Amino acid sequence: MDAHLLRIFVVVARNKSFTKASKKLQVSQTNVTLRIKQLEKNIEFKLFHRIPKGVVLTKEGENLLPKAIEIINKLDELSIQMQNIKVQNSLIIASTFSNASMRLFPFLKSINKDYPELKLELITDNTNPITKMLLEYKVDIGFINHEPINNDLMVLQKFENELLFVEPKIKCNKNAILAHEKNCAFYLGMKKYCDYIENFDYETIEIADFGVILSCVELGMGKTLLPKSIVEKFGFLGKLKLTAIDSKVVSIPTCLVCRKDYNPKQSLYLKQMNID
């Protein structure tokens, strides 16, 4: 069965009009009509009923539509995979802001050393937008917080984060949580920890910089939850009151993930590289 004919059939079915479909496909209406007739001849079924405002699917057309969409989607996925196999001279990497502060530099240093000809592109965002970009084939790999929920994604490497409840050493009367963003995994982890210690009445202050967050904690402006590696990187290990959080209470691993059907050629290397 001709995939091109199926594509035209799907466009007509979705637009319920030969005229609208021809505009969408940027071909003449006559061309669309002939292609549909050719498809009907091939499968020996009438696919559309004509009505005053356009067309509607016959029962046979209704049965064919989901199958046609499935075939087209699989062909598109295969085409993307083949392009990826044929040419992989670049790697688009997405990373959470927190991972960019922890592992991104050693990751980029390692891959740049071992693949000097590979063009690297970098995007930083939060877990949800990164997951969306992965699912839409807009990035090759991504560092996200927590293991992926979507079955189309696979984990290349998992990194455990040692989490700390971070408080000022000076007396702090202000019951405030300092967070990178309200949809940040560590803010959500902090909320969970607050429930655990029965602290329910707190204010949330958003500060889009981990170094500034830690400085504000030191000044007594609030408390936060962050990985030990971030606290250490910004030089605050000896300046703040730090309480290790049991992973049974709050666990936020960082995972390097990709699509199951869109593995980069370097996937084995990525699984084995040591950047922690």
Foldseek 3Di string as FASTA:
>chain_A
DDLVLLVLLLLCQVVLALCVSCVVVVHDSVVSVVSQVVVCVVVVHRFWDADPVHIHGDPVNVVVNVVSVVVNVVVVLVVLQVVLVVDQQEFEEEEEPQVCLFFPVVVCVVCCVVNVRRHYHYHYDAQVVVVVCQVVVNGFKYKYKDDDPDPQKDFLDKAWFFKKKWAAPDDAPAAEEEELDCPHLFVVLVCLVCVVVVNDDHHYDHDNDLLVSNVCRNVRNYIGMGGPSNCVSSPCPPGTDIDTDDVVRPTIMITMMHGPSRHHPCSNVSSPDDRD
